[in-house]
PDB file of N, CA and C in Angstrom:
ATOM      1  N   MET A   1      96.722 107.232  69.292  1.00  0.00           N
ATOM      2  CA  MET A   1      96.036 106.010  69.647  1.00  0.00           C
ATOM      3  C   MET A   1      97.000 104.833  69.490  1.00  0.00           C
ATOM      4  N   THR A   2      96.965 103.880  70.386  1.00  0.00           N
ATOM      5  CA  THR A   2      97.836 102.717  70.311  1.00  0.00           C
ATOM      6  C   THR A   2      97.017 101.439  70.305  1.00  0.00           C
ATOM      7  N   ALA A   3      97.636 100.396  69.816  1.00  0.00           N
ATOM      8  CA  ALA A   3      96.999  99.083  69.800  1.00  0.00           C
ATOM      9  C   ALA A   3      98.078  98.023  69.938  1.00  0.00           C
ATOM     10  N   GLU A   4      97.760  96.982  70.658  1.00  0.00           N
ATOM     11  CA  GLU A   4      98.678  95.850  70.767  1.00  0.00           C
ATOM     12  C   GLU A   4      98.417  94.899  69.621  1.00  0.00           C
ATOM     13  N   VAL A   5      99.487  94.321  69.092  1.00  0.00           N
ATOM     14  CA  VAL A   5      99.347  93.336  68.031  1.00  0.00           C
ATOM     15  C   VAL A   5     100.242  92.141  68.343  1.00  0.00           C
ATOM     16  N   ILE A   6      99.826  91.018  67.901  1.00  0.00           N
ATOM     17  CA  ILE A   6     100.635  89.808  68.006  1.00  0.00           C
ATOM     18  C   ILE A   6     101.028  89.423  66.593  1.00  0.00           C
ATOM     19  N   ILE A   7     102.315  89.178  66.411  1.00  0.00           N
ATOM     20  CA  ILE A   7     102.836  88.867  65.082  1.00  0.00           C
ATOM     21  C   ILE A   7     103.421  87.466  65.084  1.00  0.00           C
ATOM     22  N   ARG A   8     103.081  86.674  64.098  1.00  0.00           N
ATOM     23  CA  ARG A   8     103.688  85.355  63.926  1.00  0.00           C
ATOM     24  C   ARG A   8     104.722  85.477  62.820  1.00  0.00           C
ATOM     25  N   PHE A   9     105.978  85.182  63.153  1.00  0.00           N
ATOM     26  CA  PHE A   9     107.069  85.319  62.191  1.00  0.00           C
ATOM     27  C   PHE A   9     107.277  84.021  61.439  1.00  0.00           C
ATOM     28  N   THR A  10     107.666  84.146  60.174  1.00  0.00           N
ATOM     29  CA  THR A  10     107.897  82.962  59.352  1.00  0.00           C
ATOM     30  C   THR A  10     109.346  82.497  59.410  1.00  0.00           C
ATOM     31  N   ASN A  11     110.239  83.354  59.932  1.00  0.00           N
ATOM     32  CA  ASN A  11     111.631  82.927  60.075  1.00  0.00           C
ATOM     33  C   ASN A  11     112.290  83.667  61.243  1.00  0.00           C
ATOM     34  N   TRP A  12     113.368  83.102  61.725  1.00  0.00           N
ATOM     35  CA  TRP A  12     114.052  83.628  62.903  1.00  0.00           C
ATOM     36  C   TRP A  12     114.704  84.988  62.636  1.00  0.00           C
ATOM     37  N   ALA A  13     115.217  85.219  61.448  1.00  0.00           N
ATOM     38  CA  ALA A  13     115.880  86.485  61.132  1.00  0.00           C
ATOM     39  C   ALA A  13     114.894  87.648  61.237  1.00  0.00           C
ATOM     40  N   ALA A  14     113.697  87.477  60.731  1.00  0.00           N
ATOM     41  CA  ALA A  14     112.691  88.536  60.810  1.00  0.00           C
ATOM     42  C   ALA A  14     112.335  88.825  62.265  1.00  0.00           C
ATOM     43  N   ARG A  15     112.167  87.782  63.050  1.00  0.00           N
ATOM     44  CA  ARG A  15     111.869  87.935  64.474  1.00  0.00           C
ATOM     45  C   ARG A  15     112.981  88.699  65.174  1.00  0.00           C
ATOM     46  N   SER A  16     114.218  88.325  64.922  1.00  0.00           N
ATOM     47  CA  SER A  16     115.364  88.981  65.553  1.00  0.00           C
ATOM     48  C   SER A  16     115.447  90.454  65.168  1.00  0.00           C
ATOM     49  N   ASN A  17     115.175  90.760  63.912  1.00  0.00           N
ATOM     50  CA  ASN A  17     115.210  92.154  63.461  1.00  0.00           C
ATOM     51  C   ASN A  17     114.182  93.008  64.206  1.00  0.00           C
ATOM     52  N   VAL A  18     112.992  92.480  64.397  1.00  0.00           N
ATOM     53  CA  VAL A  18     111.962  93.231  65.119  1.00  0.00           C
ATOM     54  C   VAL A  18     112.316  93.317  66.601  1.00  0.00           C
ATOM     55  N   TYR A  19     112.760  92.224  67.209  1.00  0.00           N
ATOM     56  CA  TYR A  19     113.097  92.254  68.633  1.00  0.00           C
ATOM     57  C   TYR A  19     114.292  93.171  68.908  1.00  0.00           C
ATOM     58  N   ASP A  20     115.174  93.339  67.934  1.00  0.00           N
ATOM     59  CA  ASP A  20     116.292  94.270  68.112  1.00  0.00           C
ATOM     60  C   ASP A  20     115.794  95.708  68.273  1.00  0.00           C
ATOM     61  N   LEU A  21     114.608  96.009  67.778  1.00  0.00           N
ATOM     62  CA  LEU A  21     114.026  97.344  67.951  1.00  0.00           C
ATOM     63  C   LEU A  21     113.760  97.656  69.424  1.00  0.00           C
ATOM     64  N   HIS A  22     113.610  96.610  70.233  1.00  0.00           N
ATOM     65  CA  HIS A  22     113.370  96.777  71.673  1.00  0.00           C
ATOM     66  C   HIS A  22     114.487  97.593  72.318  1.00  0.00           C
ATOM     67  N   PHE A  23     115.696  97.518  71.790  1.00  0.00           N
ATOM     68  CA  PHE A  23     116.858  98.160  72.391  1.00  0.00           C
ATOM     69  C   PHE A  23     117.172  99.521  71.774  1.00  0.00           C
ATOM     70  N   LYS A  24     116.422  99.938  70.767  1.00  0.00           N
ATOM     71  CA  LYS A  24     116.651 101.226  70.120  1.00  0.00           C
ATOM     72  C   LYS A  24     115.965 102.329  70.920  1.00  0.00           C
ATOM     73  N   LYS A  25     116.502 103.526  70.833  1.00  0.00           N
ATOM     74  CA  LYS A  25     115.950 104.686  71.541  1.00  0.00           C
ATOM     75  C   LYS A  25     115.156 105.564  70.574  1.00  0.00           C
ATOM     76  N   ASN A  26     114.211 106.298  71.129  1.00  0.00           N
ATOM     77  CA  ASN A  26     113.434 107.310  70.404  1.00  0.00           C
ATOM     78  C   ASN A  26     112.706 106.772  69.174  1.00  0.00           C
ATOM     79  N   LEU A  27     112.068 105.620  69.323  1.00  0.00           N
ATOM     80  CA  LEU A  27     111.254 105.067  68.239  1.00  0.00           C
ATOM     81  C   LEU A  27     109.781 105.350  68.519  1.00  0.00           C
ATOM     82  N   GLY A  28     108.997 105.381  67.480  1.00  0.00           N
ATOM     83  CA  GLY A  28     107.567 105.589  67.634  1.00  0.00           C
ATOM     84  C   GLY A  28     106.814 104.336  68.019  1.00  0.00           C
ATOM     85  N   ILE A  29     107.514 103.204  68.088  1.00  0.00           N
ATOM     86  CA  ILE A  29     106.871 101.939  68.471  1.00  0.00           C
ATOM     87  C   ILE A  29     107.603 101.353  69.665  1.00  0.00           C
ATOM     88  N   ARG A  30     106.932 100.463  70.344  1.00  0.00           N
ATOM     89  CA  ARG A  30     107.533  99.771  71.485  1.00  0.00           C
ATOM     90  C   ARG A  30     107.396  98.274  71.247  1.00  0.00           C
ATOM     91  N   VAL A  31     108.498  97.569  71.393  1.00  0.00           N
ATOM     92  CA  VAL A  31     108.507  96.124  71.198  1.00  0.00           C
ATOM     93  C   VAL A  31     108.820  95.473  72.535  1.00  0.00           C
ATOM     94  N   ASN A  32     107.901  94.654  73.008  1.00  0.00           N
ATOM     95  CA  ASN A  32     108.121  93.922  74.250  1.00  0.00           C
ATOM     96  C   ASN A  32     108.535  92.499  73.927  1.00  0.00           C
ATOM     97  N   LEU A  33     109.512  92.017  74.647  1.00  0.00           N
ATOM     98  CA  LEU A  33     109.955  90.645  74.444  1.00  0.00           C
ATOM     99  C   LEU A  33     108.926  89.686  75.027  1.00  0.00           C
ATOM    100  N   ASP A  34     108.768  88.552  74.384  1.00  0.00           N
ATOM    101  CA  ASP A  34     107.794  87.564  74.805  1.00  0.00           C
ATOM    102  C   ASP A  34     108.458  86.574  75.759  1.00  0.00           C
ATOM    103  N   LEU A  35     108.600  86.980  77.019  1.00  0.00           N
ATOM    104  CA  LEU A  35     109.232  86.115  78.020  1.00  0.00           C
ATOM    105  C   LEU A  35     108.190  85.213  78.658  1.00  0.00           C
ATOM    106  N   THR A  36     108.620  84.010  79.029  1.00  0.00           N
ATOM    107  CA  THR A  36     107.739  83.132  79.793  1.00  0.00           C
ATOM    108  C   THR A  36     107.565  83.723  81.188  1.00  0.00           C
ATOM    109  N   GLN A  37     106.555  83.282  81.913  1.00  0.00           N
ATOM    110  CA  GLN A  37     106.351  83.766  83.276  1.00  0.00           C
ATOM    111  C   GLN A  37     107.566  83.462  84.144  1.00  0.00           C
ATOM    112  N   TYR A  38     108.165  82.293  83.941  1.00  0.00           N
ATOM    113  CA  TYR A  38     109.336  81.912  84.729  1.00  0.00           C
ATOM    114  C   TYR A  38     110.508  82.860  84.463  1.00  0.00           C
ATOM    115  N   ARG A  39     110.777  83.132  83.197  1.00  0.00           N
ATOM    116  CA  ARG A  39     111.898  84.031  82.867  1.00  0.00           C
ATOM    117  C   ARG A  39     111.628  85.449  83.350  1.00  0.00           C
ATOM    118  N   ARG A  40     110.404  85.905  83.209  1.00  0.00           N
ATOM    119  CA  ARG A  40     110.056  87.245  83.675  1.00  0.00           C
ATOM    120  C   ARG A  40     110.257  87.348  85.196  1.00  0.00           C
ATOM    121  N   ALA A  41     109.822  86.330  85.934  1.00  0.00           N
ATOM    122  CA  ALA A  41     109.995  86.326  87.391  1.00  0.00           C
ATOM    123  C   ALA A  41     111.475  86.239  87.767  1.00  0.00           C
ATOM    124  N   THR A  42     112.243  85.417  87.050  1.00  0.00           N
ATOM    125  CA  THR A  42     113.669  85.291  87.314  1.00  0.00           C
ATOM    126  C   THR A  42     114.380  86.613  87.033  1.00  0.00           C
ATOM    127  N   LEU A  43     114.001  87.288  85.969  1.00  0.00           N
ATOM    128  CA  LEU A  43     114.572  88.592  85.637  1.00  0.00           C
ATOM    129  C   LEU A  43     114.279  89.598  86.754  1.00  0.00           C
ATOM    130  N   GLN A  44     113.047  89.643  87.211  1.00  0.00           N
ATOM    131  CA  GLN A  44     112.664  90.571  88.278  1.00  0.00           C
ATOM    132  C   GLN A  44     113.401  90.250  89.578  1.00  0.00           C
ATOM    133  N   ASP A  45     113.468  88.973  89.941  1.00  0.00           N
ATOM    134  CA  ASP A  45     114.176  88.566  91.163  1.00  0.00           C
ATOM    135  C   ASP A  45     115.656  88.928  91.091  1.00  0.00           C
ATOM    136  N   SER A  46     116.247  88.758  89.923  1.00  0.00           N
ATOM    137  CA  SER A  46     117.669  89.065  89.729  1.00  0.00           C
ATOM    138  C   SER A  46     117.930  90.557  89.867  1.00  0.00           C
ATOM    139  N   ARG A  47     117.061  91.360  89.272  1.00  0.00           N
ATOM    140  CA  ARG A  47     117.206  92.816  89.393  1.00  0.00           C
ATOM    141  C   ARG A  47     117.083  93.260  90.846  1.00  0.00           C
ATOM    142  N   GLU A  48     116.130  92.698  91.535  1.00  0.00           N
ATOM    143  CA  GLU A  48     115.935  93.046  92.946  1.00  0.00           C
ATOM    144  C   GLU A  48     117.136  92.627  93.785  1.00  0.00           C
ATOM    145  N   PHE A  49     117.703  91.467  93.494  1.00  0.00           N
ATOM    146  CA  PHE A  49     118.884  90.973  94.212  1.00  0.00           C
ATOM    147  C   PHE A  49     120.065  91.931  94.036  1.00  0.00           C
ATOM    148  N   LEU A  50     120.303  92.389  92.803  1.00  0.00           N
ATOM    149  CA  LEU A  50     121.398  93.325  92.552  1.00  0.00           C
ATOM    150  C   LEU A  50     121.196  94.622  93.325  1.00  0.00           C
ATOM    151  N   LYS A  51     119.977  95.135  93.286  1.00  0.00           N
ATOM    152  CA  LYS A  51     119.680  96.401  93.949  1.00  0.00           C
ATOM    153  C   LYS A  51     119.777  96.269  95.475  1.00  0.00           C
ATOM    154  N   THR A  52     119.219  95.225  96.010  1.00  0.00           N
ATOM    155  CA  THR A  52     119.230  95.011  97.456  1.00  0.00           C
ATOM    156  C   THR A  52     120.644  94.852  97.994  1.00  0.00           C
ATOM    157  N   ASN A  53     121.499  94.171  97.223  1.00  0.00           N
ATOM    158  CA  ASN A  53     122.866  93.904  97.677  1.00  0.00           C
ATOM    159  C   ASN A  53     123.885  94.919  97.162  1.00  0.00           C
ATOM    160  N   ASN A  54     123.402  96.001  96.525  1.00  0.00           N
ATOM    161  CA  ASN A  54     124.271  97.071  96.017  1.00  0.00           C
ATOM    162  C   ASN A  54     125.380  96.556  95.108  1.00  0.00           C
ATOM    163  N   LEU A  55     125.045  95.624  94.232  1.00  0.00           N
ATOM    164  CA  LEU A  55     126.034  95.042  93.337  1.00  0.00           C
ATOM    165  C   LEU A  55     126.094  95.824  92.032  1.00  0.00           C
ATOM    166  N   LYS A  56     127.296  96.018  91.527  1.00  0.00           N
ATOM    167  CA  LYS A  56     127.513  96.824  90.326  1.00  0.00           C
ATOM    168  C   LYS A  56     127.355  95.945  89.082  1.00  0.00           C
ATOM    169  N   GLY A  57     126.132  95.776  88.690  1.00  0.00           N
ATOM    170  CA  GLY A  57     125.812  94.984  87.522  1.00  0.00           C
ATOM    171  C   GLY A  57     124.339  95.136  87.202  1.00  0.00           C
ATOM    172  N   TYR A  58     123.947  94.608  86.072  1.00  0.00           N
ATOM    173  CA  TYR A  58     122.538  94.619  85.718  1.00  0.00           C
ATOM    174  C   TYR A  58     122.201  93.394  84.900  1.00  0.00           C
ATOM    175  N   VAL A  59     120.903  93.112  84.817  1.00  0.00           N
ATOM    176  CA  VAL A  59     120.415  91.965  84.053  1.00  0.00           C
ATOM    177  C   VAL A  59     119.399  92.453  83.028  1.00  0.00           C
ATOM    178  N   TYR A  60     119.318  91.727  81.933  1.00  0.00           N
ATOM    179  CA  TYR A  60     118.384  92.067  80.872  1.00  0.00           C
ATOM    180  C   TYR A  60     118.099  90.818  80.058  1.00  0.00           C
ATOM    181  N   ALA A  61     117.082  90.920  79.220  1.00  0.00           N
ATOM    182  CA  ALA A  61     116.774  89.848  78.270  1.00  0.00           C
ATOM    183  C   ALA A  61     117.198  90.346  76.900  1.00  0.00           C
ATOM    184  N   ASN A  62     117.981  89.541  76.186  1.00  0.00           N
ATOM    185  CA  ASN A  62     118.428  89.955  74.845  1.00  0.00           C
ATOM    186  C   ASN A  62     117.340  89.650  73.817  1.00  0.00           C
ATOM    187  N   SER A  63     117.621  89.915  72.559  1.00  0.00           N
ATOM    188  CA  SER A  63     116.594  89.758  71.522  1.00  0.00           C
ATOM    189  C   SER A  63     116.185  88.304  71.294  1.00  0.00           C
ATOM    190  N   GLN A  64     116.976  87.353  71.790  1.00  0.00           N
ATOM    191  CA  GLN A  64     116.584  85.940  71.720  1.00  0.00           C
ATOM    192  C   GLN A  64     115.888  85.489  73.006  1.00  0.00           C
ATOM    193  N   CYS A  65     115.554  86.456  73.873  1.00  0.00           N
ATOM    194  CA  CYS A  65     114.871  86.213  75.147  1.00  0.00           C
ATOM    195  C   CYS A  65     115.728  85.441  76.147  1.00  0.00           C
ATOM    196  N   ASN A  66     117.044  85.438  75.951  1.00  0.00           N
ATOM    197  CA  ASN A  66     117.955  84.860  76.934  1.00  0.00           C
ATOM    198  C   ASN A  66     118.188  85.874  78.042  1.00  0.00           C
ATOM    199  N   LEU A  67     118.291  85.399  79.273  1.00  0.00           N
ATOM    200  CA  LEU A  67     118.598  86.282  80.391  1.00  0.00           C
ATOM    201  C   LEU A  67     120.106  86.440  80.484  1.00  0.00           C
ATOM    202  N   ILE A  68     120.558  87.679  80.607  1.00  0.00           N
ATOM    203  CA  ILE A  68     121.978  88.003  80.633  1.00  0.00           C
ATOM    204  C   ILE A  68     122.264  88.837  81.867  1.00  0.00           C
ATOM    205  N   VAL A  69     123.340  88.518  82.579  1.00  0.00           N
ATOM    206  CA  VAL A  69     123.832  89.365  83.663  1.00  0.00           C
ATOM    207  C   VAL A  69     125.144  89.969  83.186  1.00  0.00           C
ATOM    208  N   ARG A  70     125.316  91.281  83.437  1.00  0.00           N
ATOM    209  CA  ARG A  70     126.521  91.975  82.999  1.00  0.00           C
ATOM    210  C   ARG A  70     127.176  92.672  84.171  1.00  0.00           C
ATOM    211  N   ASP A  71     128.493  92.495  84.278  1.00  0.00           N
ATOM    212  CA  ASP A  71     129.309  93.160  85.284  1.00  0.00           C
ATOM    213  C   ASP A  71     129.580  94.573  84.775  1.00  0.00           C
ATOM    214  N   ALA A  72     129.009  95.580  85.420  1.00  0.00           N
ATOM    215  CA  ALA A  72     129.128  96.964  84.956  1.00  0.00           C
ATOM    216  C   ALA A  72     130.497  97.562  85.248  1.00  0.00           C
ATOM    217  N   SER A  73     131.323  96.886  86.025  1.00  0.00           N
ATOM    218  CA  SER A  73     132.654  97.410  86.310  1.00  0.00           C
ATOM    219  C   SER A  73     133.673  96.992  85.254  1.00  0.00           C
ATOM    220  N   LYS A  74     133.255  96.140  84.309  1.00  0.00           N
ATOM    221  CA  LYS A  74     134.151  95.690  83.237  1.00  0.00           C
ATOM    222  C   LYS A  74     133.782  96.360  81.928  1.00  0.00           C
ATOM    223  N   ASP A  75     134.698  96.330  80.997  1.00  0.00           N
ATOM    224  CA  ASP A  75     134.476  96.878  79.666  1.00  0.00           C
ATOM    225  C   ASP A  75     133.246  96.207  79.052  1.00  0.00           C
ATOM    226  N   GLN A  76     132.438  96.980  78.358  1.00  0.00           N
ATOM    227  CA  GLN A  76     131.191  96.467  77.795  1.00  0.00           C
ATOM    228  C   GLN A  76     131.424  95.308  76.823  1.00  0.00           C
ATOM    229  N   ASN A  77     132.565  95.284  76.158  1.00  0.00           N
ATOM    230  CA  ASN A  77     132.843  94.219  75.195  1.00  0.00           C
ATOM    231  C   ASN A  77     133.578  93.039  75.809  1.00  0.00           C
ATOM    232  N   ALA A  78     133.894  93.121  77.094  1.00  0.00           N
ATOM    233  CA  ALA A  78     134.633  92.034  77.748  1.00  0.00           C
ATOM    234  C   ALA A  78     133.773  90.776  77.793  1.00  0.00           C
ATOM    235  N   GLN A  79     134.308  89.696  77.296  1.00  0.00           N
ATOM    236  CA  GLN A  79     133.578  88.433  77.240  1.00  0.00           C
ATOM    237  C   GLN A  79     133.273  87.909  78.647  1.00  0.00           C
ATOM    238  N   ASN A  80     134.204  88.085  79.577  1.00  0.00           N
ATOM    239  CA  ASN A  80     133.978  87.579  80.931  1.00  0.00           C
ATOM    240  C   ASN A  80     133.109  88.528  81.751  1.00  0.00           C
ATOM    241  N   GLY A  81     132.670  89.644  81.164  1.00  0.00           N
ATOM    242  CA  GLY A  81     131.809  90.593  81.855  1.00  0.00           C
ATOM    243  C   GLY A  81     130.332  90.294  81.698  1.00  0.00           C
ATOM    244  N   LYS A  82     129.982  89.331  80.834  1.00  0.00           N
ATOM    245  CA  LYS A  82     128.582  88.967  80.589  1.00  0.00           C
ATOM    246  C   LYS A  82     128.426  87.458  80.745  1.00  0.00           C
ATOM    247  N   ARG A  83     127.268  87.066  81.207  1.00  0.00           N
ATOM    248  CA  ARG A  83     126.985  85.640  81.282  1.00  0.00           C
ATOM    249  C   ARG A  83     125.491  85.399  81.107  1.00  0.00           C
ATOM    250  N   LYS A  84     125.183  84.409  80.300  1.00  0.00           N
ATOM    251  CA  LYS A  84     123.804  83.968  80.106  1.00  0.00           C
ATOM    252  C   LYS A  84     123.445  83.068  81.282  1.00  0.00           C
ATOM    253  N   PHE A  85     122.207  83.176  81.762  1.00  0.00           N
ATOM    254  CA  PHE A  85     121.772  82.282  82.842  1.00  0.00           C
ATOM    255  C   PHE A  85     120.323  81.870  82.631  1.00  0.00           C
ATOM    256  N   GLU A  86     119.995  80.712  83.140  1.00  0.00           N
ATOM    257  CA  GLU A  86     118.644  80.169  83.022  1.00  0.00           C
ATOM    258  C   GLU A  86     117.900  80.196  84.352  1.00  0.00           C
ATOM    259  N   HIS A  87     118.647  80.007  85.441  1.00  0.00           N
ATOM    260  CA  HIS A  87     118.044  79.879  86.767  1.00  0.00           C
ATOM    261  C   HIS A  87     118.643  80.897  87.720  1.00  0.00           C
ATOM    262  N   PHE A  88     117.898  81.238  88.753  1.00  0.00           N
ATOM    263  CA  PHE A  88     118.341  82.218  89.722  1.00  0.00           C
ATOM    264  C   PHE A  88     119.633  81.785  90.407  1.00  0.00           C
ATOM    265  N   GLU A  89     119.802  80.496  90.642  1.00  0.00           N
ATOM    266  CA  GLU A  89     121.035  80.003  91.285  1.00  0.00           C
ATOM    267  C   GLU A  89     122.256  80.236  90.394  1.00  0.00           C
ATOM    268  N   GLU A  90     122.112  80.064  89.090  1.00  0.00           N
ATOM    269  CA  GLU A  90     123.205  80.368  88.158  1.00  0.00           C
ATOM    270  C   GLU A  90     123.556  81.857  88.237  1.00  0.00           C
ATOM    271  N   PHE A  91     122.534  82.689  88.278  1.00  0.00           N
ATOM    272  CA  PHE A  91     122.735  84.135  88.387  1.00  0.00           C
ATOM    273  C   PHE A  91     123.504  84.467  89.668  1.00  0.00           C
ATOM    274  N   LYS A  92     123.103  83.877  90.789  1.00  0.00           N
ATOM    275  CA  LYS A  92     123.750  84.185  92.068  1.00  0.00           C
ATOM    276  C   LYS A  92     125.223  83.793  92.071  1.00  0.00           C
ATOM    277  N   GLN A  93     125.593  82.723  91.377  1.00  0.00           N
ATOM    278  CA  GLN A  93     126.998  82.325  91.292  1.00  0.00           C
ATOM    279  C   GLN A  93     127.813  83.417  90.602  1.00  0.00           C
ATOM    280  N   PHE A  94     127.322  83.955  89.501  1.00  0.00           N
ATOM    281  CA  PHE A  94     128.035  85.020  88.798  1.00  0.00           C
ATOM    282  C   PHE A  94     128.007  86.311  89.618  1.00  0.00           C
ATOM    283  N   ALA A  95     126.862  86.607  90.230  1.00  0.00           N
ATOM    284  CA  ALA A  95     126.700  87.843  90.996  1.00  0.00           C
ATOM    285  C   ALA A  95     127.614  87.888  92.214  1.00  0.00           C
ATOM    286  N   SER A  96     128.020  86.741  92.711  1.00  0.00           N
ATOM    287  CA  SER A  96     128.900  86.737  93.887  1.00  0.00           C
ATOM    288  C   SER A  96     130.253  87.371  93.586  1.00  0.00           C
ATOM    289  N   GLY A  97     130.630  87.472  92.322  1.00  0.00           N
ATOM    290  CA  GLY A  97     131.895  88.090  91.931  1.00  0.00           C
ATOM    291  C   GLY A  97     131.781  89.565  91.574  1.00  0.00           C
ATOM    292  N   LEU A  98     130.568  90.133  91.661  1.00  0.00           N
ATOM    293  CA  LEU A  98     130.379  91.539  91.316  1.00  0.00           C
ATOM    294  C   LEU A  98     130.832  92.448  92.457  1.00  0.00           C
ATOM    295  N   LYS A  99     131.303  93.634  92.085  1.00  0.00           N
ATOM    296  CA  LYS A  99     131.728  94.620  93.077  1.00  0.00           C
ATOM    297  C   LYS A  99     130.518  95.258  93.745  1.00  0.00           C
ATOM    298  N   ILE A 100     130.724  95.689  94.987  1.00  0.00           N
ATOM    299  CA  ILE A 100     129.680  96.397  95.717  1.00  0.00           C
ATOM    300  C   ILE A 100     129.855  97.894  95.470  1.00  0.00           C
ATOM    301  N   ASP A 101     128.767  98.545  95.100  1.00  0.00           N
ATOM    302  CA  ASP A 101     128.771  99.988  94.858  1.00  0.00           C
ATOM    303  C   ASP A 101     127.404 100.523  95.285  1.00  0.00           C
ATOM    304  N   SER A 102     127.350 101.179  96.429  1.00  0.00           N
ATOM    305  CA  SER A 102     126.068 101.617  96.991  1.00  0.00           C
ATOM    306  C   SER A 102     125.390 102.693  96.149  1.00  0.00           C
ATOM    307  N   GLN A 103     126.110 103.354  95.249  1.00  0.00           N
ATOM    308  CA  GLN A 103     125.528 104.418  94.434  1.00  0.00           C
ATOM    309  C   GLN A 103     125.073 103.952  93.058  1.00  0.00           C
ATOM    310  N   PHE A 104     125.429 102.743  92.662  1.00  0.00           N
ATOM    311  CA  PHE A 104     125.174 102.291  91.289  1.00  0.00           C
ATOM    312  C   PHE A 104     123.688 102.253  90.933  1.00  0.00           C
ATOM    313  N   HIS A 105     122.843 101.777  91.823  1.00  0.00           N
ATOM    314  CA  HIS A 105     121.420 101.609  91.510  1.00  0.00           C
ATOM    315  C   HIS A 105     120.569 102.793  91.940  1.00  0.00           C
ATOM    316  N   LYS A 106     121.189 103.869  92.384  1.00  0.00           N
ATOM    317  CA  LYS A 106     120.454 105.080  92.743  1.00  0.00           C
ATOM    318  C   LYS A 106     120.021 105.777  91.472  1.00  0.00           C
ATOM    319  N   ARG A 107     118.840 106.306  91.473  1.00  0.00           N
ATOM    320  CA  ARG A 107     118.328 107.037  90.308  1.00  0.00           C
ATOM    321  C   ARG A 107     119.114 108.336  90.164  1.00  0.00           C
ATOM    322  N   ARG A 108     119.580 108.586  88.954  1.00  0.00           N
ATOM    323  CA  ARG A 108     120.276 109.837  88.658  1.00  0.00           C
ATOM    324  C   ARG A 108     119.259 110.850  88.163  1.00  0.00           C
ATOM    325  N   PRO A 109     119.430 112.130  88.501  1.00  0.00           N
ATOM    326  CA  PRO A 109     118.471 113.129  88.000  1.00  0.00           C
ATOM    327  C   PRO A 109     118.493 113.205  86.480  1.00  0.00           C
ATOM    328  N   HIS A 110     117.344 113.403  85.905  1.00  0.00           N
ATOM    329  CA  HIS A 110     117.218 113.487  84.444  1.00  0.00           C
ATOM    330  C   HIS A 110     117.832 114.782  83.948  1.00  0.00           C
ATOM    331  N   ARG A 111     118.679 114.701  82.943  1.00  0.00           N
ATOM    332  CA  ARG A 111     119.297 115.891  82.339  1.00  0.00           C
ATOM    333  C   ARG A 111     118.560 116.255  81.065  1.00  0.00           C
ATOM    334  N   GLU A 112     118.396 117.550  80.844  1.00  0.00           N
ATOM    335  CA  GLU A 112     117.742 118.002  79.611  1.00  0.00           C
ATOM    336  C   GLU A 112     118.709 118.615  78.664  1.00  0.00           C
TER     337      GLU A 112
END
């Protein structure tokens, strides 16, 4: 049985610790980030733009609910491979430098 709960945090560190669980695998709980409607729509539009244009990158919301675009052709720790953005136009400026890869957004078969 599951239930949704809303938690009010008394400090930022506690909030960050719980939101970091969103990125962990194989947990018995699921933590959804509390994005505004605007950020959620911008995130969805950005993902669709990458997929439609076959760009080798992805977007996500980090534990502070910032929208991040990452160039998947660069090293994961590369500073110039990630950029925070607030608006779709900012995202498109960074996305214009991404490589085209028609296979990147194709679903890979699940391995057991």
